[in-house]
Amino acid sequence: MTFQSWIAVSTAFVLSFALPFVLRPILRSWSVIDVPNERSSHSNEVLRGGGVAQLVGVSTGLLIEAVLVAQSSQSTSLFRASTILAVMVGIGILGLVEDTRGVPVFVRAVSQFLVGMVGASVLIISSGISAWWIIIGALFFVAYTNAANFMDGIDTLSALHGLTVGALFAIIGVLSSSPWLVTSGLVLAVSFVSFLPWNIGPSKMFLGDVGSYLLGGGIAIVSIAAAATGVPVIALVGPLAIYLADTGTTLFMRVVRGERWQDAHRLHVYQRLVDAGLSHIGVSLIVTVSTIVSGAFGLLALLGSTAETVIAVVG
């Protein structure tokens, strides 16, 4: 990484950590409060929307990266950096609107799909890949955006997920000689880990939909960009496998049982672990360690041999 890239990462961290000092009174005056429901793992009303800090931090960090890329006159890299930035801002703003005004389910789903399709279109077409992959990319974008939203139900889980996946993306970037992926991964990692003190301290806040949409959509669009540049898909799926497994199996079982899958519930594995008596931090660490393990298996695919790829898939 260059010195300028470290500036992007450092700026993202400082803004993400410091902005909640300003956000708290604003969110309180706007009554942006999370009221417990059937899905909640907390019993008291808590300010939500703290993810605005992550949105500003990530956006600023990626903007600095895009400016640096523009100065290097690399058109393909500029397209990629600008697209990732635009998609993250777009999905984050959608989450902010959901936090403050509410968005009908159909409108929310269509909006997520359109943001994902535009981002996937630019990344896939500019890489010379078949346009058929655009729909798959858009559907994946919607799926992971909502997976991160569904999993954002206990303290510290989303912040640690951002840290873990971002760090794993950075490692993948180093091993695949993709400097942009290193910077993007570290910007995600530092922006979300900076929220930990705000999620567990006396001035407790929740990320809200703005934060969880940014987390899921950001991870998804970076994954699509990396896959479009030739990074093995299984290496990228590794860090995401735990969230996909929990949300996917929970949704499947609800549909099989004939339940209203869109209703609030407490059937995710992480929720059941909390209900069984484990602490929020304890469950978050279980999910984080599991993600590190699955991510490590995914890294095997970068070594290139068929045997190692098979081990990665099985792992």
Protein backbone atom coordinates (compact mmCIF):
# COMPACT_ATOMS: atom_id res chain seq x y z
CA MET A 1 0.00 0.00 0.00
CA THR A 2 1.10 3.53 -0.75
CA PHE A 3 1.28 6.36 1.74
CA GLN A 4 -1.78 7.90 0.05
CA SER A 5 -3.73 4.66 0.56
CA TRP A 6 -2.94 4.75 4.27
CA ILE A 7 -4.33 8.28 4.33
CA ALA A 8 -7.60 6.92 2.90
CA VAL A 9 -7.76 4.18 5.53
CA SER A 10 -6.82 6.50 8.41
CA THR A 11 -9.37 9.11 7.37
CA ALA A 12 -12.10 6.47 7.22
CA PHE A 13 -11.26 5.34 10.75
CA VAL A 14 -11.14 8.82 12.30
CA LEU A 15 -14.41 9.96 10.73
CA SER A 16 -16.24 6.73 11.57
CA PHE A 17 -15.17 6.90 15.21
CA ALA A 18 -15.62 10.63 15.80
CA LEU A 19 -18.87 11.44 13.98
CA PRO A 20 -21.18 9.70 16.50
CA PHE A 21 -20.32 12.50 18.93
CA VAL A 22 -22.14 14.82 16.53
CA LEU A 23 -24.78 12.31 15.45
CA ARG A 24 -26.16 11.43 18.89
CA PRO A 25 -27.96 14.73 19.59
CA ILE A 26 -29.21 14.91 15.99
CA LEU A 27 -30.66 11.38 16.04
CA ARG A 28 -32.23 12.06 19.43
CA SER A 29 -33.85 15.27 18.21
CA TRP A 30 -35.22 13.40 15.18
CA SER A 31 -36.46 10.55 17.44
CA VAL A 32 -34.57 7.94 15.40
CA ILE A 33 -35.04 5.25 18.02
CA ASP A 34 -35.06 1.46 17.76
CA VAL A 35 -38.17 0.14 19.52
CA PRO A 36 -37.93 -3.56 20.56
CA ASN A 37 -40.08 -6.04 18.61
CA GLU A 38 -40.32 -9.82 18.13
CA ARG A 39 -36.90 -9.89 16.46
CA SER A 40 -35.07 -7.78 19.02
CA SER A 41 -32.45 -9.00 21.47
CA HIS A 42 -32.74 -5.86 23.59
CA SER A 43 -35.55 -4.67 25.85
CA ASN A 44 -34.91 -0.92 25.96
CA GLU A 45 -35.28 1.76 23.31
CA VAL A 46 -31.91 2.65 21.78
CA LEU A 47 -30.82 5.29 19.29
CA ARG A 48 -30.33 3.84 15.81
CA GLY A 49 -28.83 5.34 12.67
CA GLY A 50 -25.30 5.47 14.05
CA GLY A 51 -24.19 3.88 10.78
CA VAL A 52 -24.29 7.33 9.21
CA ALA A 53 -20.79 7.70 10.65
CA GLN A 54 -19.68 4.55 8.81
CA LEU A 55 -21.32 5.81 5.62
CA VAL A 56 -19.37 9.07 5.80
CA GLY A 57 -16.14 7.33 6.82
CA VAL A 58 -16.28 4.64 4.13
CA SER A 59 -17.36 7.12 1.46
CA THR A 60 -14.57 9.55 2.28
CA GLY A 61 -11.95 6.81 2.36
CA LEU A 62 -13.09 5.40 -0.99
CA LEU A 63 -13.33 8.89 -2.47
CA ILE A 64 -9.68 9.50 -1.58
CA GLU A 65 -8.85 6.16 -3.21
CA ALA A 66 -10.81 7.13 -6.35
CA VAL A 67 -8.98 10.47 -6.57
CA LEU A 68 -5.64 8.68 -6.31
CA VAL A 69 -6.69 6.26 -9.04
CA ALA A 70 -7.80 9.16 -11.25
CA GLN A 71 -4.36 10.72 -10.95
CA SER A 72 -2.82 7.49 -12.23
CA SER A 73 -4.88 7.68 -15.46
CA GLN A 74 -6.06 4.07 -15.18
CA SER A 75 -9.56 4.21 -16.69
CA THR A 76 -10.61 0.69 -15.71
CA SER A 77 -9.46 1.16 -12.13
CA LEU A 78 -11.25 4.52 -11.98
CA PHE A 79 -14.49 2.92 -13.20
CA ARG A 80 -14.17 0.27 -10.50
CA ALA A 81 -13.35 2.67 -7.66
CA SER A 82 -16.10 5.12 -8.66
CA THR A 83 -18.67 2.34 -9.01
CA ILE A 84 -17.90 0.85 -5.60
CA LEU A 85 -18.14 4.30 -4.04
CA ALA A 86 -21.42 5.17 -5.78
CA VAL A 87 -23.05 1.86 -4.88
CA MET A 88 -22.07 2.14 -1.21
CA VAL A 89 -23.40 5.69 -1.01
CA GLY A 90 -26.63 4.68 -2.77
CA ILE A 91 -27.39 1.67 -0.59
CA GLY A 92 -26.40 3.58 2.55
CA ILE A 93 -28.79 6.42 1.72
CA LEU A 94 -31.58 3.90 1.14
CA GLY A 95 -30.92 2.52 4.62
CA LEU A 96 -30.96 6.03 6.08
CA VAL A 97 -34.36 6.71 4.50
CA GLU A 98 -35.61 3.43 5.97
CA ASP A 99 -34.33 4.48 9.42
CA THR A 100 -35.89 7.95 9.35
CA ARG A 101 -39.03 7.64 7.21
CA GLY A 102 -39.64 3.98 6.48
CA VAL A 103 -39.76 2.37 3.02
CA PRO A 104 -42.39 -0.16 1.82
CA VAL A 105 -40.99 -3.67 1.44
CA PHE A 106 -41.57 -3.80 -2.34
CA VAL A 107 -39.99 -0.39 -2.93
CA ARG A 108 -37.04 -1.34 -0.73
CA ALA A 109 -36.46 -4.62 -2.60
CA VAL A 110 -36.71 -3.00 -6.03
CA SER A 111 -34.38 -0.18 -4.97
CA GLN A 112 -31.79 -2.65 -3.68
CA PHE A 113 -32.00 -4.62 -6.92
CA LEU A 114 -31.60 -1.53 -9.08
CA VAL A 115 -28.58 -0.30 -7.12
CA GLY A 116 -27.02 -3.76 -7.36
CA MET A 117 -27.79 -4.12 -11.06
CA VAL A 118 -26.30 -0.74 -11.97
CA GLY A 119 -23.15 -1.51 -9.99
CA ALA A 120 -22.84 -5.04 -11.36
CA SER A 121 -23.45 -3.81 -14.92
CA VAL A 122 -20.58 -1.32 -14.81
CA LEU A 123 -18.16 -3.74 -13.18
CA ILE A 124 -19.01 -6.73 -15.35
CA ILE A 125 -19.27 -4.97 -18.72
CA SER A 126 -16.06 -2.98 -18.14
CA SER A 127 -14.28 -6.27 -17.40
CA GLY A 128 -15.46 -7.88 -20.63
CA ILE A 129 -17.50 -10.56 -18.87
CA SER A 130 -20.75 -11.94 -20.29
CA ALA A 131 -23.72 -9.69 -19.51
CA TRP A 132 -25.63 -12.74 -18.22
CA TRP A 133 -23.69 -12.36 -14.98
CA ILE A 134 -25.27 -8.96 -14.31
CA ILE A 135 -28.53 -10.47 -13.03
CA ILE A 136 -26.64 -12.93 -10.84
CA GLY A 137 -24.56 -10.08 -9.45
CA ALA A 138 -27.66 -7.98 -8.74
CA LEU A 139 -29.43 -10.86 -6.99
CA PHE A 140 -26.32 -11.58 -4.92
CA PHE A 141 -26.15 -7.90 -3.98
CA VAL A 142 -29.75 -7.95 -2.72
CA ALA A 143 -29.18 -11.25 -0.91
CA TYR A 144 -26.12 -10.13 1.02
CA THR A 145 -27.48 -6.67 1.77
CA ASN A 146 -30.45 -8.32 3.46
CA ALA A 147 -28.31 -11.03 5.08
CA ALA A 148 -26.27 -8.33 6.83
CA ASN A 149 -29.49 -6.57 7.82
CA PHE A 150 -31.03 -9.76 9.27
CA MET A 151 -27.83 -10.58 11.17
CA ASP A 152 -27.60 -7.10 12.68
CA GLY A 153 -29.54 -8.08 15.79
CA ILE A 154 -27.07 -8.19 18.68
CA ASP A 155 -24.35 -5.92 20.03
CA THR A 156 -20.91 -5.99 18.33
CA LEU A 157 -21.84 -8.59 15.64
CA SER A 158 -21.94 -6.25 12.63
CA ALA A 159 -18.88 -4.27 13.73
CA LEU A 160 -16.86 -7.48 14.08
CA HIS A 161 -18.20 -8.78 10.77
CA GLY A 162 -17.05 -5.64 9.00
CA LEU A 163 -13.64 -5.95 10.63
CA THR A 164 -13.27 -9.64 9.80
CA VAL A 165 -14.50 -9.58 6.21
CA GLY A 166 -12.62 -6.37 5.45
CA ALA A 167 -9.39 -7.84 6.82
CA LEU A 168 -9.89 -11.06 4.84
CA PHE A 169 -10.52 -9.04 1.68
CA ALA A 170 -7.27 -7.18 2.33
CA ILE A 171 -5.41 -10.49 2.67
CA ILE A 172 -7.00 -11.72 -0.56
CA GLY A 173 -5.88 -8.47 -2.18
CA VAL A 174 -2.30 -9.02 -1.07
CA LEU A 175 -2.24 -12.65 -2.25
CA SER A 176 -3.88 -11.82 -5.60
CA SER A 177 -1.78 -8.68 -6.21
CA SER A 178 -4.87 -6.42 -6.12
CA PRO A 179 -3.87 -3.20 -4.29
CA TRP A 180 -7.36 -1.70 -4.71
CA LEU A 181 -8.85 -4.69 -2.83
CA VAL A 182 -6.38 -4.22 0.01
CA THR A 183 -7.39 -0.57 0.40
CA SER A 184 -11.12 -1.25 0.04
CA GLY A 185 -10.97 -4.09 2.55
CA LEU A 186 -9.08 -2.04 5.11
CA VAL A 187 -11.44 0.93 4.70
CA LEU A 188 -14.36 -1.39 5.47
CA ALA A 189 -12.53 -2.99 8.39
CA VAL A 190 -11.48 0.18 10.19
CA SER A 191 -14.78 1.95 9.57
CA PHE A 192 -16.84 -0.77 11.23
CA VAL A 193 -14.47 -1.72 14.03
CA SER A 194 -14.54 1.93 15.08
CA PHE A 195 -18.21 1.48 15.96
CA LEU A 196 -17.50 -1.09 18.70
CA PRO A 197 -17.18 1.49 21.53
CA TRP A 198 -20.47 3.05 20.46
CA ASN A 199 -22.24 -0.31 20.43
CA ILE A 200 -21.23 -1.49 23.91
CA GLY A 201 -20.42 1.63 25.91
CA PRO A 202 -22.66 3.81 28.08
CA SER A 203 -23.54 5.98 25.05
CA LYS A 204 -24.94 2.96 23.26
CA MET A 205 -26.20 3.24 19.68
CA PHE A 206 -27.22 0.88 16.90
CA LEU A 207 -25.95 1.02 13.33
CA GLY A 208 -29.50 0.99 12.00
CA ASP A 209 -30.43 0.08 8.44
CA VAL A 210 -28.04 2.71 7.11
CA GLY A 211 -25.17 0.79 8.71
CA SER A 212 -26.33 -2.75 7.95
CA TYR A 213 -27.20 -1.90 4.34
CA LEU A 214 -23.80 -0.27 3.93
CA LEU A 215 -22.10 -3.31 5.44
CA GLY A 216 -23.92 -5.91 3.33
CA GLY A 217 -24.05 -3.89 0.13
CA GLY A 218 -20.44 -2.77 0.50
CA ILE A 219 -19.20 -6.32 1.00
CA ALA A 220 -21.31 -7.51 -1.93
CA ILE A 221 -20.14 -4.88 -4.43
CA VAL A 222 -16.49 -5.34 -3.47
CA SER A 223 -16.94 -9.11 -3.95
CA ILE A 224 -18.47 -8.56 -7.40
CA ALA A 225 -15.63 -6.23 -8.36
CA ALA A 226 -13.01 -8.72 -7.17
CA ALA A 227 -14.67 -11.62 -8.99
CA ALA A 228 -14.81 -9.51 -12.16
CA THR A 229 -11.03 -9.01 -11.97
CA GLY A 230 -10.41 -12.75 -11.73
CA VAL A 231 -10.22 -13.44 -7.99
CA PRO A 232 -11.54 -17.01 -7.42
CA VAL A 233 -15.18 -16.90 -6.31
CA ILE A 234 -14.67 -19.51 -3.58
CA ALA A 235 -12.01 -17.28 -1.98
CA LEU A 236 -14.56 -14.47 -1.82
CA VAL A 237 -17.39 -16.71 -0.61
CA GLY A 238 -15.29 -17.98 2.31
CA PRO A 239 -15.63 -14.80 4.44
CA LEU A 240 -19.35 -14.61 3.64
CA ALA A 241 -20.30 -18.24 4.19
CA ILE A 242 -21.48 -17.98 7.81
CA TYR A 243 -23.90 -15.10 7.19
CA LEU A 244 -25.20 -16.79 4.01
CA ALA A 245 -25.63 -20.11 5.82
CA ASP A 246 -27.52 -18.63 8.79
CA THR A 247 -29.88 -16.47 6.74
CA GLY A 248 -30.31 -19.02 3.95
CA THR A 249 -31.19 -22.00 6.13
CA THR A 250 -33.43 -19.91 8.40
CA LEU A 251 -35.40 -18.58 5.42
CA PHE A 252 -35.61 -22.04 3.83
CA MET A 253 -36.94 -23.68 6.99
CA ARG A 254 -39.54 -20.93 7.49
CA VAL A 255 -40.80 -21.39 3.93
CA VAL A 256 -40.90 -25.19 4.34
CA ARG A 257 -42.93 -24.83 7.55
CA GLY A 258 -45.37 -22.51 5.79
CA GLU A 259 -44.55 -19.52 8.01
CA ARG A 260 -44.79 -15.90 6.91
CA TRP A 261 -41.09 -15.58 6.12
CA GLN A 262 -41.18 -11.77 6.01
CA ASP A 263 -42.44 -11.41 9.60
CA ALA A 264 -40.07 -10.54 12.47
CA HIS A 265 -38.75 -13.62 14.28
CA ARG A 266 -35.97 -14.98 16.49
CA LEU A 267 -35.06 -18.15 14.60
CA HIS A 268 -31.58 -17.27 13.33
CA VAL A 269 -28.83 -19.40 14.84
CA TYR A 270 -27.23 -16.37 16.49
CA GLN A 271 -30.57 -15.42 18.06
CA ARG A 272 -31.13 -18.94 19.35
CA LEU A 273 -27.67 -18.92 20.91
CA VAL A 274 -28.54 -15.69 22.74
CA ASP A 275 -31.85 -17.18 23.87
CA ALA A 276 -29.92 -20.19 25.15
CA GLY A 277 -28.10 -17.89 27.57
CA LEU A 278 -24.93 -16.80 25.78
CA SER A 279 -23.95 -13.14 25.93
CA HIS A 280 -24.09 -10.89 22.87
CA ILE A 281 -20.30 -10.60 22.82
CA GLY A 282 -19.91 -14.36 23.27
CA VAL A 283 -22.18 -15.11 20.31
CA SER A 284 -20.50 -12.43 18.22
CA LEU A 285 -17.11 -14.03 18.90
CA ILE A 286 -18.47 -17.46 17.90
CA VAL A 287 -19.71 -16.02 14.60
CA THR A 288 -16.45 -14.11 14.08
CA VAL A 289 -14.19 -17.10 14.72
CA SER A 290 -16.39 -19.22 12.43
CA THR A 291 -16.06 -16.55 9.74
CA ILE A 292 -12.28 -16.51 10.13
CA VAL A 293 -12.18 -20.30 9.74
CA SER A 294 -14.41 -20.32 6.66
CA GLY A 295 -12.44 -17.39 5.25
CA ALA A 296 -9.19 -19.29 5.80
CA PHE A 297 -10.57 -22.24 3.83
CA GLY A 298 -11.49 -19.83 1.04
CA LEU A 299 -7.91 -18.57 0.90
CA LEU A 300 -6.79 -22.04 -0.16
CA ALA A 301 -8.46 -21.45 -3.51
CA LEU A 302 -5.92 -18.71 -4.21
CA LEU A 303 -3.15 -21.31 -4.32
CA GLY A 304 -4.53 -22.53 -7.62
CA SER A 305 -4.38 -26.34 -7.53
CA THR A 306 -7.50 -28.47 -8.00
CA ALA A 307 -6.94 -30.32 -4.73
CA GLU A 308 -6.68 -27.10 -2.73
CA THR A 309 -9.80 -25.70 -4.39
CA VAL A 310 -11.72 -28.87 -3.49
CA ILE A 311 -10.53 -28.59 0.12
CA ALA A 312 -11.62 -24.93 0.12
CA VAL A 313 -15.11 -25.81 -1.14
CA VAL A 314 -15.56 -28.66 1.35
CA GLY A 315 -14.19 -26.52 4.19
